[in-house]
């Protein structure tokens, strides 16, 4: 064999990321101090195909590393979001017996509610009766009755914060929805006179509530028994904020796609 061919057989080929050495027919790739086994190229004189093959292998390893780190980053973000969600769910409101009693009175007998207790238990049902120290809840599934002490309640909400009359307005149901939404909430309300208002609740009374319509300075008092339909309504500022957030999310996705494609092109 010519002398030049021995040099070709045992020559060292330098490529990006890895160095390939021919050693007893086995190719070893050195990455730091840790040897890693790689596909062996044919021995003999160097060819352009050999170099391209090693370069392609290096590119594939680079892409795999990039994908792995991207997946780890996404997983970390998801874990942080999950932990934040757990922290928020664990942050329960301290019991306020007097406020709970007030809300139960405002919702009234027959109201469908969601209840969370200090023990962490949650119930869904309807209020059957109201007493001094507790109220009686009928379970939504089987109708079983459970006495609930006001001092054991951390959260109490209606199952629905909207109302739509199917005949004559139900003043008790309307009053419960108004109490659920609360003062300062932006709402939409339609009256029996076919009038429609969009504005904020500014006051709640025993037989009526007061709304300050958008773009006006004159509040409007509406009786509970005069409401045909009502519910929460997004203000213009809230809609703009929602559109901005959605736009930012779309732009973020587009940028991520472009970055991924750019990385593939340069590799």
Protein backbone atom coordinates (compact mmCIF):
# COMPACT_ATOMS: atom_id res chain seq x y z
CA UNK A 1 0.00 0.00 0.00
CA UNK A 2 1.40 3.44 -0.86
CA UNK A 3 2.69 5.45 2.09
CA UNK A 4 0.15 8.21 1.50
CA UNK A 5 -2.76 5.81 1.99
CA UNK A 6 -1.58 4.93 5.58
CA UNK A 7 -1.74 8.58 6.45
CA UNK A 8 -5.25 8.73 5.03
CA UNK A 9 -6.36 5.73 7.11
CA UNK A 10 -5.16 7.13 10.44
CA UNK A 11 -5.75 10.81 9.72
CA UNK A 12 -7.77 12.94 12.14
CA UNK A 13 -10.73 14.81 10.63
CA UNK A 14 -11.89 17.99 12.35
CA UNK A 15 -15.59 18.91 12.05
CA UNK A 16 -17.90 21.25 14.02
CA UNK A 17 -18.96 20.05 17.51
CA UNK A 18 -17.17 16.66 17.31
CA UNK A 19 -13.74 15.21 16.38
CA UNK A 20 -13.72 11.81 14.68
CA UNK A 21 -10.73 9.51 15.09
CA UNK A 22 -10.27 6.16 13.42
CA UNK A 23 -9.03 3.70 16.00
CA UNK A 24 -8.98 -0.05 15.30
CA UNK A 25 -11.98 0.25 13.00
CA UNK A 26 -14.10 2.04 15.65
CA UNK A 27 -14.89 5.76 15.44
CA UNK A 28 -14.97 7.67 18.73
CA UNK A 29 -16.42 11.19 19.04
CA UNK A 30 -14.92 13.31 21.83
CA UNK A 31 -17.17 15.90 23.44
CA UNK A 32 -15.33 17.36 26.42
CA UNK A 33 -13.84 14.52 28.47
CA UNK A 34 -16.66 12.05 27.72
CA UNK A 35 -16.12 9.82 24.64
CA UNK A 36 -19.23 8.96 22.67
CA UNK A 37 -19.55 6.25 20.02
CA UNK A 38 -20.49 7.50 16.54
CA UNK A 39 -21.08 5.87 13.14
CA UNK A 40 -17.74 5.02 11.57
CA UNK A 41 -16.79 6.39 8.18
CA UNK A 42 -15.14 4.23 5.57
CA UNK A 43 -11.36 4.09 5.92
CA UNK A 44 -9.24 5.18 3.07
CA UNK A 45 -8.69 8.46 1.33
CA UNK A 46 -10.94 11.31 2.43
CA UNK A 47 -13.86 12.08 0.18
CA UNK A 48 -16.22 15.03 0.10
CA UNK A 49 -19.09 12.67 0.95
CA UNK A 50 -17.37 11.65 4.19
CA UNK A 51 -17.01 15.25 5.32
CA UNK A 52 -20.61 16.07 4.40
CA UNK A 53 -21.84 13.01 6.30
CA UNK A 54 -19.99 14.02 9.45
CA UNK A 55 -21.24 17.59 9.11
CA UNK A 56 -24.82 16.36 8.74
CA UNK A 57 -24.37 14.24 11.87
CA UNK A 58 -23.11 17.27 13.77
CA UNK A 59 -26.06 19.37 12.57
CA UNK A 60 -28.52 16.69 13.65
CA UNK A 61 -26.91 16.54 17.10
CA UNK A 62 -27.12 20.34 17.35
CA UNK A 63 -30.82 20.34 16.44
CA UNK A 64 -31.57 17.56 18.90
CA UNK A 65 -29.85 19.55 21.65
CA UNK A 66 -31.83 22.67 20.72
CA UNK A 67 -35.11 20.76 20.74
CA UNK A 68 -34.28 19.19 24.10
CA UNK A 69 -33.55 22.56 25.71
CA UNK A 70 -36.71 24.04 24.18
CA UNK A 71 -38.81 21.20 25.59
CA UNK A 72 -37.21 21.65 29.02
CA UNK A 73 -37.98 25.38 28.91
CA UNK A 74 -41.63 24.79 27.98
CA UNK A 75 -41.97 22.14 30.69
CA UNK A 76 -40.52 24.55 33.25
CA UNK A 77 -43.03 27.23 32.25
CA UNK A 78 -45.93 24.78 32.56
CA UNK A 79 -44.73 23.70 36.00
CA UNK A 80 -44.50 27.32 37.14
CA UNK A 81 -48.02 28.00 35.90
CA UNK A 82 -49.30 24.90 37.70
CA UNK A 83 -47.60 25.96 40.94
CA UNK A 84 -49.08 29.44 40.61
CA UNK A 85 -52.52 27.94 40.06
CA UNK A 86 -52.12 25.78 43.16
CA UNK A 87 -51.02 28.81 45.18
CA UNK A 88 -54.05 30.78 44.02
CA UNK A 89 -56.44 27.92 44.79
CA UNK A 90 -54.91 27.58 48.25
CA UNK A 91 -55.48 31.26 48.99
CA UNK A 92 -59.01 31.02 50.40
CA UNK A 93 -60.96 33.87 51.87
CA UNK A 94 -61.23 33.97 55.66
CA UNK A 95 -64.75 33.22 56.96
CA UNK A 96 -66.99 36.23 57.53
CA UNK A 97 -70.22 34.98 59.15
CA UNK A 98 -72.07 38.31 58.98
CA UNK A 99 -71.24 38.82 55.29
CA UNK A 100 -72.21 35.22 54.48
CA UNK A 101 -75.54 35.66 56.27
CA UNK A 102 -76.14 38.88 54.31
CA UNK A 103 -75.43 37.16 51.00
CA UNK A 104 -77.67 34.22 51.87
CA UNK A 105 -80.50 36.67 52.66
CA UNK A 106 -79.88 38.51 49.37
CA UNK A 107 -79.84 35.29 47.34
CA UNK A 108 -83.00 34.05 49.05
CA UNK A 109 -84.63 30.64 49.44
CA UNK A 110 -84.47 28.59 46.26
CA UNK A 111 -81.28 30.20 44.94
CA UNK A 112 -78.81 27.80 43.34
CA UNK A 113 -75.40 28.33 44.90
CA UNK A 114 -71.82 27.05 45.12
CA UNK A 115 -70.37 26.76 48.62
CA UNK A 116 -66.80 26.22 49.81
CA UNK A 117 -66.11 25.44 53.47
CA UNK A 118 -63.06 26.02 55.66
CA UNK A 119 -62.44 22.25 55.53
CA UNK A 120 -61.95 22.49 51.77
CA UNK A 121 -65.21 20.71 50.94
CA UNK A 122 -67.31 22.13 48.10
CA UNK A 123 -71.04 21.81 47.54
CA UNK A 124 -73.55 22.73 44.87
CA UNK A 125 -77.23 22.98 45.63
CA UNK A 126 -80.14 25.25 46.46
CA UNK A 127 -80.91 27.16 49.62
CA UNK A 128 -83.86 25.47 51.34
CA UNK A 129 -84.15 27.52 54.51
CA UNK A 130 -82.40 30.37 56.30
CA UNK A 131 -81.84 30.34 60.07
CA UNK A 132 -79.91 32.46 62.56
CA UNK A 133 -76.66 30.45 62.69
CA UNK A 134 -76.88 28.42 59.50
CA UNK A 135 -78.73 27.75 56.29
CA UNK A 136 -79.97 24.47 54.88
CA UNK A 137 -78.55 23.38 51.53
CA UNK A 138 -80.21 20.79 49.29
CA UNK A 139 -77.60 18.97 47.19
CA UNK A 140 -77.93 19.39 43.44
CA UNK A 141 -77.34 15.67 42.75
CA UNK A 142 -79.65 13.85 45.15
CA UNK A 143 -81.46 16.55 47.11
CA UNK A 144 -79.89 15.50 50.43
CA UNK A 145 -79.99 18.26 53.05
CA UNK A 146 -76.86 19.68 54.69
CA UNK A 147 -76.86 22.35 57.41
CA UNK A 148 -74.13 24.91 56.71
CA UNK A 149 -72.93 27.22 59.48
CA UNK A 150 -72.15 30.77 58.35
CA UNK A 151 -68.82 30.67 60.20
CA UNK A 152 -67.66 27.66 58.16
CA UNK A 153 -68.13 29.29 54.76
CA UNK A 154 -65.15 30.73 52.87
CA UNK A 155 -66.90 31.24 49.52
CA UNK A 156 -70.55 31.54 48.54
CA UNK A 157 -71.61 32.30 44.97
CA UNK A 158 -74.54 31.78 42.68
CA UNK A 159 -74.05 29.05 40.10
CA UNK A 160 -75.08 31.60 37.42
CA UNK A 161 -74.58 35.35 37.45
CA UNK A 162 -77.12 36.04 34.69
CA UNK A 163 -80.90 36.26 34.62
CA UNK A 164 -83.53 36.00 31.89
CA UNK A 165 -87.23 36.02 32.60
CA UNK A 166 -89.37 33.28 31.09
CA UNK A 167 -92.62 35.05 32.01
CA UNK A 168 -93.17 37.53 34.79
CA UNK A 169 -89.89 38.82 36.31
CA UNK A 170 -88.73 36.99 39.45
CA UNK A 171 -87.66 39.79 41.78
CA UNK A 172 -85.95 37.38 44.22
CA UNK A 173 -83.82 35.87 41.45
CA UNK A 174 -82.96 39.31 40.05
CA UNK A 175 -81.96 40.57 43.51
CA UNK A 176 -79.68 37.54 43.93
CA UNK A 177 -77.94 38.20 40.61
CA UNK A 178 -77.46 41.88 41.49
CA UNK A 179 -75.98 40.89 44.85
CA UNK A 180 -73.69 38.36 43.15
CA UNK A 181 -72.37 40.95 40.69
CA UNK A 182 -72.05 43.68 43.32
CA UNK A 183 -71.51 47.42 43.28
CA UNK A 184 -69.21 48.79 40.52
CA UNK A 185 -69.75 45.79 38.25
CA UNK A 186 -70.41 46.69 34.62
CA UNK A 187 -73.67 45.11 33.46
CA UNK A 188 -76.28 44.95 30.75
CA UNK A 189 -79.93 45.14 31.81
CA UNK A 190 -83.20 45.06 29.85
CA UNK A 191 -86.41 46.25 31.48
CA UNK A 192 -90.03 45.34 30.90
CA UNK A 193 -90.42 48.63 28.98
CA UNK A 194 -87.91 47.30 26.41
CA UNK A 195 -85.26 49.73 27.60
CA UNK A 196 -81.67 48.54 27.61
CA UNK A 197 -78.88 49.96 29.75
CA UNK A 198 -75.14 49.34 29.79
CA UNK A 199 -73.37 50.70 32.84
CA UNK A 200 -72.08 50.16 36.35
CA UNK A 201 -74.08 49.25 39.45
CA UNK A 202 -73.74 52.15 41.89
CA UNK A 203 -76.23 51.18 44.62
CA UNK A 204 -78.22 48.16 45.81
CA UNK A 205 -81.43 48.52 47.83
CA UNK A 206 -84.08 46.14 49.15
CA UNK A 207 -86.47 46.55 46.19
CA UNK A 208 -84.28 48.05 43.47
CA UNK A 209 -80.78 48.81 42.29
CA UNK A 210 -79.22 51.83 40.63
CA UNK A 211 -77.18 51.86 37.43
CA UNK A 212 -75.04 54.64 36.03
CA UNK A 213 -75.32 54.19 32.24
CA UNK A 214 -72.24 54.66 30.08
CA UNK A 215 -71.55 58.19 28.80
CA UNK A 216 -74.13 59.77 31.11
CA UNK A 217 -74.10 61.47 34.49
CA UNK A 218 -77.69 60.61 35.45
CA UNK A 219 -78.14 57.33 37.38
CA UNK A 220 -81.18 55.13 36.69
CA UNK A 221 -83.06 53.27 39.42
CA UNK A 222 -84.49 49.91 38.34
CA UNK A 223 -86.93 47.79 40.36
CA UNK A 224 -86.13 44.08 40.61
CA UNK A 225 -89.61 43.16 39.37
CA UNK A 226 -89.03 45.26 36.25
CA UNK A 227 -86.04 43.31 34.91
CA UNK A 228 -86.43 41.00 31.93
CA UNK A 229 -82.76 40.22 31.39
CA UNK A 230 -79.44 41.14 32.96
CA UNK A 231 -75.87 39.96 33.37
CA UNK A 232 -72.24 41.05 33.32
CA UNK A 233 -71.12 43.14 30.38
CA UNK A 234 -67.57 43.89 29.31
CA UNK A 235 -66.72 47.55 29.26
CA UNK A 236 -64.98 49.12 26.28
CA UNK A 237 -61.68 49.25 28.16
CA UNK A 238 -61.93 45.55 29.06
CA UNK A 239 -62.64 44.63 25.44
CA UNK A 240 -59.63 46.65 24.26
CA UNK A 241 -57.42 44.99 26.88
CA UNK A 242 -58.64 41.54 25.81
CA UNK A 243 -57.95 42.34 22.15
CA UNK A 244 -54.45 43.58 23.02
CA UNK A 245 -53.67 40.41 25.02
CA UNK A 246 -54.94 38.21 22.18
CA UNK A 247 -52.86 40.19 19.68
CA UNK A 248 -49.72 39.84 21.77
CA UNK A 249 -50.31 36.08 22.05
CA UNK A 250 -50.70 35.75 18.27
CA UNK A 251 -47.56 37.80 17.62
CA UNK A 252 -45.65 35.62 20.11
CA UNK A 253 -46.71 32.43 18.32
CA UNK A 254 -45.75 33.88 14.92
CA UNK A 255 -42.33 34.97 16.21
CA UNK A 256 -41.72 31.52 17.70
CA UNK A 257 -42.56 29.86 14.37
CA UNK A 258 -40.24 32.23 12.47
CA UNK A 259 -37.39 31.59 14.93
CA UNK A 260 -37.78 27.82 14.55
CA UNK A 261 -37.74 28.10 10.76
CA UNK A 262 -34.73 30.41 10.87
CA UNK A 263 -32.81 27.94 13.04
CA UNK A 264 -33.62 25.15 10.57
CA UNK A 265 -32.42 27.27 7.66
CA UNK A 266 -29.08 28.24 9.21
CA UNK A 267 -28.46 24.65 10.25
